[in-house]
Structures are given as C-alpha cells and as structure tokens.
Amino acid sequence: MKIALIAHDRKKDDLVQFAIAYRDILSEHTLFATGTTGLRVIDATGLEVTRFRSGPLGGDQQIGAMIANNDMDMIIFFRDPLTAQPHEPDVSALIRLCDVYQIPLATNMGTAEILLKGLQKGFVDWRLIQERRG
C-alpha cells in the first residue's frame, strides 16, 4: 500500500517517534512524505521515503493529486490544531479529498496506530479492490 506521512512543524517529533515505533509495519509499504518530514523520517528510521515539496510549497497538493488519481491508500497527517497554518486551505483540500475518495486518514497518533494495526491485520485490503477498479 502507498502511505503518505505528513506533519506540521510542532508535530514532526511525534511523527518521527511514531515511524520509529512502527518501522516494521511501515517498511512493508511504499512511503511518501512532504519535504522536511520525509527527511526526518529517513534519517531516524532508514526507511525509503519518496519526498515531495514541503506542505506550504505544494507538498500537500502533490499528495492530493495522487489521491485524486487513486494512487494513494492511506494518509498519516499529524496536524497541529493549536497553531494557525499559512497553507490551511491546502490542508482542508487534502482532508476533503480523503473523504471524497474514501482514503483512510489519521490526524493524530491514536488514530494512526489503529490504522497501521488494522493495515497489518488486513482490514484495509478493500483498498486493493479500489486500486484494481481505478
């Protein structure tokens, strides 16, 4: 499955710790990330991650394009709900696309853990059917 990893600045440390904790599961999938987040995950875990631009420079939109083309299976996006983001319209558009295309989306560590554990147990295999129809 194709999984995107995204984190706002104040949540990057949390996402890196999450990636370290779930390295074994993540290593079985194709990973994508926005700029700095991807670099930090690579440095901390050694995982192979395709990096896009940073979120404010269009990385969220690049991932959104993959969603719209049925080329992304899951989004783990650690958002900072307490800090205004200059690219908030892009963030909202990404979340909207996840809803439109039924892409599993976690915006916090608790939900991300459930998604990865479910992925490990095959609970997201319906995405494989979606990909074949795409």
N, C-alpha and C. Protein backbone atom coordinates (compact mmCIF):
# COMPACT_ATOMS: atom_id res chain seq x y z
N MET A 1 0.83 -1.18 0.00
CA MET A 1 0.00 0.00 0.00
C MET A 1 0.88 1.25 0.00
N LYS A 2 0.33 2.31 -0.51
CA LYS A 2 1.03 3.60 -0.54
C LYS A 2 0.53 4.46 0.60
N ILE A 3 1.47 4.89 1.44
CA ILE A 3 1.14 5.65 2.65
C ILE A 3 1.87 6.98 2.63
N ALA A 4 1.15 8.08 2.85
CA ALA A 4 1.76 9.41 2.95
C ALA A 4 1.92 9.78 4.41
N LEU A 5 3.08 10.34 4.73
CA LEU A 5 3.40 10.82 6.08
C LEU A 5 3.57 12.33 6.03
N ILE A 6 2.79 13.04 6.82
CA ILE A 6 2.82 14.49 6.82
C ILE A 6 2.75 14.95 8.28
N ALA A 7 3.44 16.02 8.62
CA ALA A 7 3.35 16.56 9.98
C ALA A 7 3.63 18.05 9.98
N HIS A 8 2.81 18.78 10.69
CA HIS A 8 3.10 20.19 10.91
C HIS A 8 4.35 20.30 11.79
N ASP A 9 4.98 21.48 11.77
CA ASP A 9 6.27 21.66 12.44
C ASP A 9 6.27 21.18 13.89
N ARG A 10 5.26 21.54 14.64
CA ARG A 10 5.25 21.17 16.07
C ARG A 10 4.88 19.71 16.31
N LYS A 11 4.58 18.97 15.25
CA LYS A 11 4.22 17.55 15.36
C LYS A 11 5.25 16.63 14.69
N LYS A 12 6.29 17.21 14.11
CA LYS A 12 7.29 16.40 13.41
C LYS A 12 7.98 15.40 14.35
N ASP A 13 8.34 15.84 15.56
CA ASP A 13 8.98 14.93 16.51
C ASP A 13 8.06 13.74 16.81
N ASP A 14 6.78 14.01 16.98
CA ASP A 14 5.82 12.93 17.25
C ASP A 14 5.76 11.94 16.09
N LEU A 15 5.74 12.46 14.86
CA LEU A 15 5.66 11.56 13.71
C LEU A 15 6.94 10.73 13.58
N VAL A 16 8.08 11.34 13.84
CA VAL A 16 9.34 10.59 13.79
C VAL A 16 9.32 9.46 14.82
N GLN A 17 8.89 9.76 16.04
CA GLN A 17 8.81 8.72 17.07
C GLN A 17 7.82 7.63 16.67
N PHE A 18 6.74 8.02 16.05
CA PHE A 18 5.74 7.06 15.57
C PHE A 18 6.35 6.16 14.50
N ALA A 19 7.08 6.76 13.57
CA ALA A 19 7.71 5.98 12.49
C ALA A 19 8.75 5.01 13.04
N ILE A 20 9.47 5.43 14.06
CA ILE A 20 10.44 4.53 14.70
C ILE A 20 9.69 3.35 15.35
N ALA A 21 8.63 3.65 16.06
CA ALA A 21 7.87 2.61 16.75
C ALA A 21 7.22 1.62 15.78
N TYR A 22 6.79 2.10 14.63
CA TYR A 22 6.09 1.26 13.67
C TYR A 22 6.91 1.01 12.40
N ARG A 23 8.21 1.07 12.54
CA ARG A 23 9.11 0.88 11.40
C ARG A 23 8.85 -0.43 10.68
N ASP A 24 8.65 -1.51 11.44
CA ASP A 24 8.46 -2.83 10.82
C ASP A 24 7.23 -2.85 9.91
N ILE A 25 6.14 -2.26 10.36
CA ILE A 25 4.93 -2.22 9.53
C ILE A 25 5.15 -1.28 8.34
N LEU A 26 5.68 -0.11 8.59
CA LEU A 26 5.89 0.87 7.52
C LEU A 26 6.84 0.34 6.45
N SER A 27 7.83 -0.46 6.84
CA SER A 27 8.82 -0.96 5.88
C SER A 27 8.20 -1.89 4.83
N GLU A 28 7.02 -2.40 5.10
CA GLU A 28 6.34 -3.30 4.16
C GLU A 28 5.55 -2.55 3.09
N HIS A 29 5.57 -1.21 3.15
CA HIS A 29 4.74 -0.41 2.26
C HIS A 29 5.57 0.66 1.56
N THR A 30 4.97 1.29 0.56
CA THR A 30 5.61 2.37 -0.18
C THR A 30 5.26 3.68 0.51
N LEU A 31 6.29 4.40 0.93
CA LEU A 31 6.07 5.61 1.72
C LEU A 31 6.36 6.88 0.92
N PHE A 32 5.55 7.88 1.21
CA PHE A 32 5.69 9.22 0.63
C PHE A 32 5.61 10.21 1.78
N ALA A 33 6.21 11.37 1.61
CA ALA A 33 6.13 12.38 2.67
C ALA A 33 6.40 13.75 2.08
N THR A 34 5.93 14.75 2.81
CA THR A 34 6.29 16.11 2.46
C THR A 34 7.75 16.33 2.90
N GLY A 35 8.38 17.35 2.34
CA GLY A 35 9.80 17.63 2.45
C GLY A 35 10.55 17.33 3.72
N THR A 36 10.48 18.21 4.68
CA THR A 36 11.25 18.05 5.91
C THR A 36 10.82 16.83 6.69
N THR A 37 9.53 16.56 6.73
CA THR A 37 9.03 15.39 7.44
C THR A 37 9.66 14.13 6.87
N GLY A 38 9.68 14.02 5.56
CA GLY A 38 10.27 12.85 4.92
C GLY A 38 11.74 12.69 5.26
N LEU A 39 12.49 13.78 5.23
CA LEU A 39 13.91 13.73 5.54
C LEU A 39 14.13 13.27 6.98
N ARG A 40 13.34 13.79 7.88
CA ARG A 40 13.47 13.41 9.30
C ARG A 40 13.14 11.94 9.50
N VAL A 41 12.11 11.43 8.82
CA VAL A 41 11.76 10.01 8.94
C VAL A 41 12.88 9.14 8.36
N ILE A 42 13.41 9.52 7.23
CA ILE A 42 14.51 8.77 6.62
C ILE A 42 15.71 8.73 7.57
N ASP A 43 16.09 9.88 8.09
CA ASP A 43 17.25 9.96 8.99
C ASP A 43 17.06 9.11 10.24
N ALA A 44 15.86 9.10 10.79
CA ALA A 44 15.60 8.39 12.05
C ALA A 44 15.39 6.89 11.89
N THR A 45 14.88 6.48 10.71
CA THR A 45 14.47 5.07 10.55
C THR A 45 15.23 4.31 9.48
N GLY A 46 15.82 5.03 8.52
CA GLY A 46 16.45 4.37 7.39
C GLY A 46 15.45 3.86 6.36
N LEU A 47 14.17 4.17 6.56
CA LEU A 47 13.15 3.75 5.61
C LEU A 47 13.30 4.50 4.30
N GLU A 48 12.88 3.86 3.22
CA GLU A 48 12.86 4.52 1.92
C GLU A 48 11.58 5.33 1.82
N VAL A 49 11.71 6.63 1.56
CA VAL A 49 10.57 7.54 1.51
C VAL A 49 10.72 8.44 0.29
N THR A 50 9.72 8.49 -0.55
CA THR A 50 9.70 9.45 -1.66
C THR A 50 9.26 10.78 -1.09
N ARG A 51 10.09 11.80 -1.28
CA ARG A 51 9.79 13.11 -0.69
C ARG A 51 9.22 14.06 -1.74
N PHE A 52 8.19 14.80 -1.32
CA PHE A 52 7.63 15.86 -2.13
C PHE A 52 8.09 17.20 -1.57
N ARG A 53 7.57 18.27 -2.10
CA ARG A 53 7.87 19.60 -1.57
C ARG A 53 7.32 19.71 -0.14
N SER A 54 7.76 20.71 0.59
CA SER A 54 7.18 20.93 1.91
C SER A 54 5.71 21.33 1.72
N GLY A 55 4.92 21.17 2.79
CA GLY A 55 3.49 21.46 2.71
C GLY A 55 3.18 22.85 2.17
N PRO A 56 3.76 23.90 2.74
CA PRO A 56 3.44 25.26 2.27
C PRO A 56 3.88 25.53 0.82
N LEU A 57 4.80 24.71 0.30
CA LEU A 57 5.28 24.90 -1.06
C LEU A 57 4.62 23.96 -2.06
N GLY A 58 3.55 23.28 -1.63
CA GLY A 58 2.79 22.46 -2.56
C GLY A 58 2.83 20.96 -2.30
N GLY A 59 3.54 20.52 -1.27
CA GLY A 59 3.62 19.09 -0.98
C GLY A 59 2.27 18.46 -0.69
N ASP A 60 1.43 19.18 0.06
CA ASP A 60 0.08 18.67 0.35
C ASP A 60 -0.69 18.48 -0.95
N GLN A 61 -0.52 19.40 -1.88
CA GLN A 61 -1.23 19.32 -3.15
C GLN A 61 -0.69 18.18 -4.02
N GLN A 62 0.62 17.92 -3.94
CA GLN A 62 1.17 16.79 -4.68
C GLN A 62 0.57 15.48 -4.18
N ILE A 63 0.44 15.35 -2.87
CA ILE A 63 -0.19 14.16 -2.32
C ILE A 63 -1.67 14.13 -2.69
N GLY A 64 -2.33 15.28 -2.66
CA GLY A 64 -3.72 15.37 -3.09
C GLY A 64 -3.92 14.90 -4.52
N ALA A 65 -2.98 15.22 -5.39
CA ALA A 65 -3.08 14.77 -6.78
C ALA A 65 -3.01 13.24 -6.86
N MET A 66 -2.17 12.65 -6.02
CA MET A 66 -2.10 11.18 -6.00
C MET A 66 -3.43 10.59 -5.53
N ILE A 67 -4.04 11.22 -4.54
CA ILE A 67 -5.35 10.75 -4.06
C ILE A 67 -6.37 10.82 -5.19
N ALA A 68 -6.42 11.96 -5.87
CA ALA A 68 -7.39 12.15 -6.95
C ALA A 68 -7.18 11.17 -8.09
N ASN A 69 -5.96 10.66 -8.25
CA ASN A 69 -5.66 9.68 -9.29
C ASN A 69 -5.71 8.25 -8.77
N ASN A 70 -6.30 8.05 -7.58
CA ASN A 70 -6.41 6.74 -6.96
C ASN A 70 -5.04 6.07 -6.83
N ASP A 71 -4.05 6.87 -6.45
CA ASP A 71 -2.67 6.39 -6.36
C ASP A 71 -2.11 6.55 -4.94
N MET A 72 -2.99 6.66 -3.95
CA MET A 72 -2.58 6.76 -2.54
C MET A 72 -3.60 5.98 -1.72
N ASP A 73 -3.11 5.22 -0.74
CA ASP A 73 -4.01 4.34 0.02
C ASP A 73 -4.29 4.80 1.44
N MET A 74 -3.40 5.59 2.02
CA MET A 74 -3.57 5.98 3.42
C MET A 74 -2.76 7.25 3.68
N ILE A 75 -3.31 8.10 4.54
CA ILE A 75 -2.62 9.33 4.93
C ILE A 75 -2.47 9.35 6.44
N ILE A 76 -1.25 9.57 6.89
CA ILE A 76 -1.00 9.82 8.31
C ILE A 76 -0.49 11.25 8.38
N PHE A 77 -1.33 12.12 8.93
CA PHE A 77 -1.07 13.56 8.92
C PHE A 77 -1.20 14.09 10.35
N PHE A 78 -0.07 14.23 11.02
CA PHE A 78 -0.10 14.75 12.38
C PHE A 78 -0.24 16.27 12.30
N ARG A 79 -1.46 16.74 12.52
CA ARG A 79 -1.77 18.17 12.42
C ARG A 79 -1.57 18.84 13.77
N ASP A 80 -1.26 20.10 13.71
CA ASP A 80 -1.15 20.91 14.93
C ASP A 80 -2.42 21.75 15.02
N PRO A 81 -3.38 21.35 15.84
CA PRO A 81 -4.65 22.08 15.90
C PRO A 81 -4.57 23.40 16.67
N LEU A 82 -3.43 23.65 17.31
CA LEU A 82 -3.30 24.86 18.13
C LEU A 82 -2.52 25.98 17.46
N THR A 83 -2.02 25.74 16.26
CA THR A 83 -1.24 26.76 15.56
C THR A 83 -1.85 27.01 14.18
N ALA A 84 -2.08 28.27 13.85
CA ALA A 84 -2.59 28.62 12.52
C ALA A 84 -1.54 28.26 11.47
N GLN A 85 -1.99 27.67 10.39
CA GLN A 85 -1.09 27.27 9.30
C GLN A 85 -1.31 28.19 8.10
N PRO A 86 -0.22 28.69 7.51
CA PRO A 86 -0.37 29.59 6.36
C PRO A 86 -0.98 28.90 5.14
N HIS A 87 -0.87 27.58 5.09
CA HIS A 87 -1.42 26.84 3.95
C HIS A 87 -2.65 26.03 4.34
N GLU A 88 -3.42 26.56 5.29
CA GLU A 88 -4.62 25.86 5.79
C GLU A 88 -5.60 25.47 4.67
N PRO A 89 -5.80 26.31 3.64
CA PRO A 89 -6.69 25.86 2.55
C PRO A 89 -6.20 24.58 1.87
N ASP A 90 -4.88 24.42 1.76
CA ASP A 90 -4.33 23.19 1.17
C ASP A 90 -4.59 21.99 2.08
N VAL A 91 -4.46 22.21 3.38
CA VAL A 91 -4.72 21.15 4.36
C VAL A 91 -6.19 20.74 4.29
N SER A 92 -7.07 21.70 4.25
CA SER A 92 -8.51 21.41 4.15
C SER A 92 -8.83 20.67 2.86
N ALA A 93 -8.19 21.06 1.77
CA ALA A 93 -8.42 20.40 0.49
C ALA A 93 -7.95 18.94 0.54
N LEU A 94 -6.84 18.69 1.19
CA LEU A 94 -6.32 17.33 1.31
C LEU A 94 -7.28 16.46 2.12
N ILE A 95 -7.77 16.98 3.21
CA ILE A 95 -8.71 16.24 4.05
C ILE A 95 -10.01 15.98 3.28
N ARG A 96 -10.46 16.98 2.54
CA ARG A 96 -11.67 16.82 1.72
C ARG A 96 -11.48 15.71 0.69
N LEU A 97 -10.31 15.67 0.03
CA LEU A 97 -10.04 14.63 -0.97
C LEU A 97 -10.06 13.24 -0.33
N CYS A 98 -9.53 13.13 0.88
CA CYS A 98 -9.57 11.84 1.58
C CYS A 98 -11.01 11.39 1.77
N ASP A 99 -11.88 12.32 2.11
CA ASP A 99 -13.29 11.98 2.28
C ASP A 99 -13.95 11.62 0.95
N VAL A 100 -13.66 12.39 -0.09
CA VAL A 100 -14.25 12.14 -1.41
C VAL A 100 -13.85 10.77 -1.93
N TYR A 101 -12.57 10.41 -1.80
CA TYR A 101 -12.05 9.17 -2.37
C TYR A 101 -11.92 8.04 -1.35
N GLN A 102 -12.49 8.23 -0.16
CA GLN A 102 -12.51 7.20 0.88
C GLN A 102 -11.10 6.69 1.22
N ILE A 103 -10.20 7.62 1.43
CA ILE A 103 -8.83 7.28 1.81
C ILE A 103 -8.74 7.34 3.34
N PRO A 104 -8.31 6.26 3.99
CA PRO A 104 -8.13 6.32 5.44
C PRO A 104 -7.16 7.43 5.82
N LEU A 105 -7.57 8.24 6.80
CA LEU A 105 -6.80 9.41 7.22
C LEU A 105 -6.70 9.45 8.74
N ALA A 106 -5.48 9.53 9.24
CA ALA A 106 -5.26 9.72 10.68
C ALA A 106 -4.65 11.09 10.88
N THR A 107 -5.22 11.87 11.79
CA THR A 107 -4.67 13.20 12.06
C THR A 107 -4.03 13.28 13.44
N ASN A 108 -3.92 12.14 14.11
CA ASN A 108 -3.27 12.11 15.42
C ASN A 108 -2.71 10.72 15.65
N MET A 109 -1.86 10.60 16.67
CA MET A 109 -1.16 9.35 16.92
C MET A 109 -2.10 8.19 17.26
N GLY A 110 -3.15 8.46 18.01
CA GLY A 110 -4.08 7.39 18.38
C GLY A 110 -4.72 6.75 17.17
N THR A 111 -5.23 7.56 16.27
CA THR A 111 -5.87 7.04 15.07
C THR A 111 -4.84 6.41 14.13
N ALA A 112 -3.67 6.98 14.04
CA ALA A 112 -2.61 6.42 13.19
C ALA A 112 -2.25 5.01 13.64
N GLU A 113 -2.17 4.82 14.95
CA GLU A 113 -1.84 3.49 15.47
C GLU A 113 -2.92 2.48 15.08
N ILE A 114 -4.17 2.87 15.21
CA ILE A 114 -5.26 1.98 14.83
C ILE A 114 -5.21 1.65 13.35
N LEU A 115 -4.94 2.65 12.51
CA LEU A 115 -4.86 2.39 11.07
C LEU A 115 -3.73 1.42 10.74
N LEU A 116 -2.55 1.62 11.31
CA LEU A 116 -1.44 0.73 10.99
C LEU A 116 -1.66 -0.68 11.52
N LYS A 117 -2.23 -0.80 12.71
CA LYS A 117 -2.54 -2.14 13.24
C LYS A 117 -3.60 -2.81 12.37
N GLY A 118 -4.59 -2.04 11.92
CA GLY A 118 -5.59 -2.57 11.01
C GLY A 118 -4.99 -2.97 9.67
N LEU A 119 -4.08 -2.17 9.18
CA LEU A 119 -3.39 -2.47 7.93
C LEU A 119 -2.64 -3.79 8.06
N GLN A 120 -1.97 -3.95 9.18
CA GLN A 120 -1.20 -5.17 9.45
C GLN A 120 -2.10 -6.40 9.46
N LYS A 121 -3.33 -6.26 9.94
CA LYS A 121 -4.25 -7.39 10.04
C LYS A 121 -5.12 -7.57 8.79
N GLY A 122 -4.93 -6.71 7.77
CA GLY A 122 -5.68 -6.86 6.53
C GLY A 122 -6.99 -6.11 6.48
N PHE A 123 -7.25 -5.23 7.45
CA PHE A 123 -8.52 -4.52 7.49
C PHE A 123 -8.63 -3.40 6.44
N VAL A 124 -7.56 -3.14 5.72
CA VAL A 124 -7.60 -2.09 4.70
C VAL A 124 -7.46 -2.72 3.30
N ASP A 125 -7.60 -4.04 3.22
CA ASP A 125 -7.45 -4.72 1.93
C ASP A 125 -8.48 -4.29 0.91
N TRP A 126 -9.60 -3.70 1.34
CA TRP A 126 -10.60 -3.20 0.39
C TRP A 126 -9.98 -2.17 -0.55
N ARG A 127 -8.90 -1.50 -0.12
CA ARG A 127 -8.22 -0.54 -0.99
C ARG A 127 -7.62 -1.25 -2.21
N LEU A 128 -7.22 -2.50 -2.06
CA LEU A 128 -6.67 -3.24 -3.20
C LEU A 128 -7.73 -3.43 -4.28
N ILE A 129 -8.97 -3.64 -3.88
CA ILE A 129 -10.08 -3.75 -4.82
C ILE A 129 -10.29 -2.40 -5.51
N GLN A 130 -10.26 -1.31 -4.73
CA GLN A 130 -10.41 0.04 -5.28
C GLN A 130 -9.33 0.31 -6.33
N GLU A 131 -8.09 -0.11 -6.06
CA GLU A 131 -6.98 0.15 -6.99
C GLU A 131 -7.21 -0.57 -8.32
N ARG A 132 -7.72 -1.78 -8.25
CA ARG A 132 -7.96 -2.53 -9.49
C ARG A 132 -9.05 -1.88 -10.34
N ARG A 133 -10.03 -1.24 -9.67
CA ARG A 133 -11.12 -0.59 -10.41
C ARG A 133 -10.71 0.78 -10.94
N GLY A 134 -9.68 1.39 -10.31
CA GLY A 134 -9.26 2.75 -10.62
C GLY A 134 -9.04 2.97 -12.05
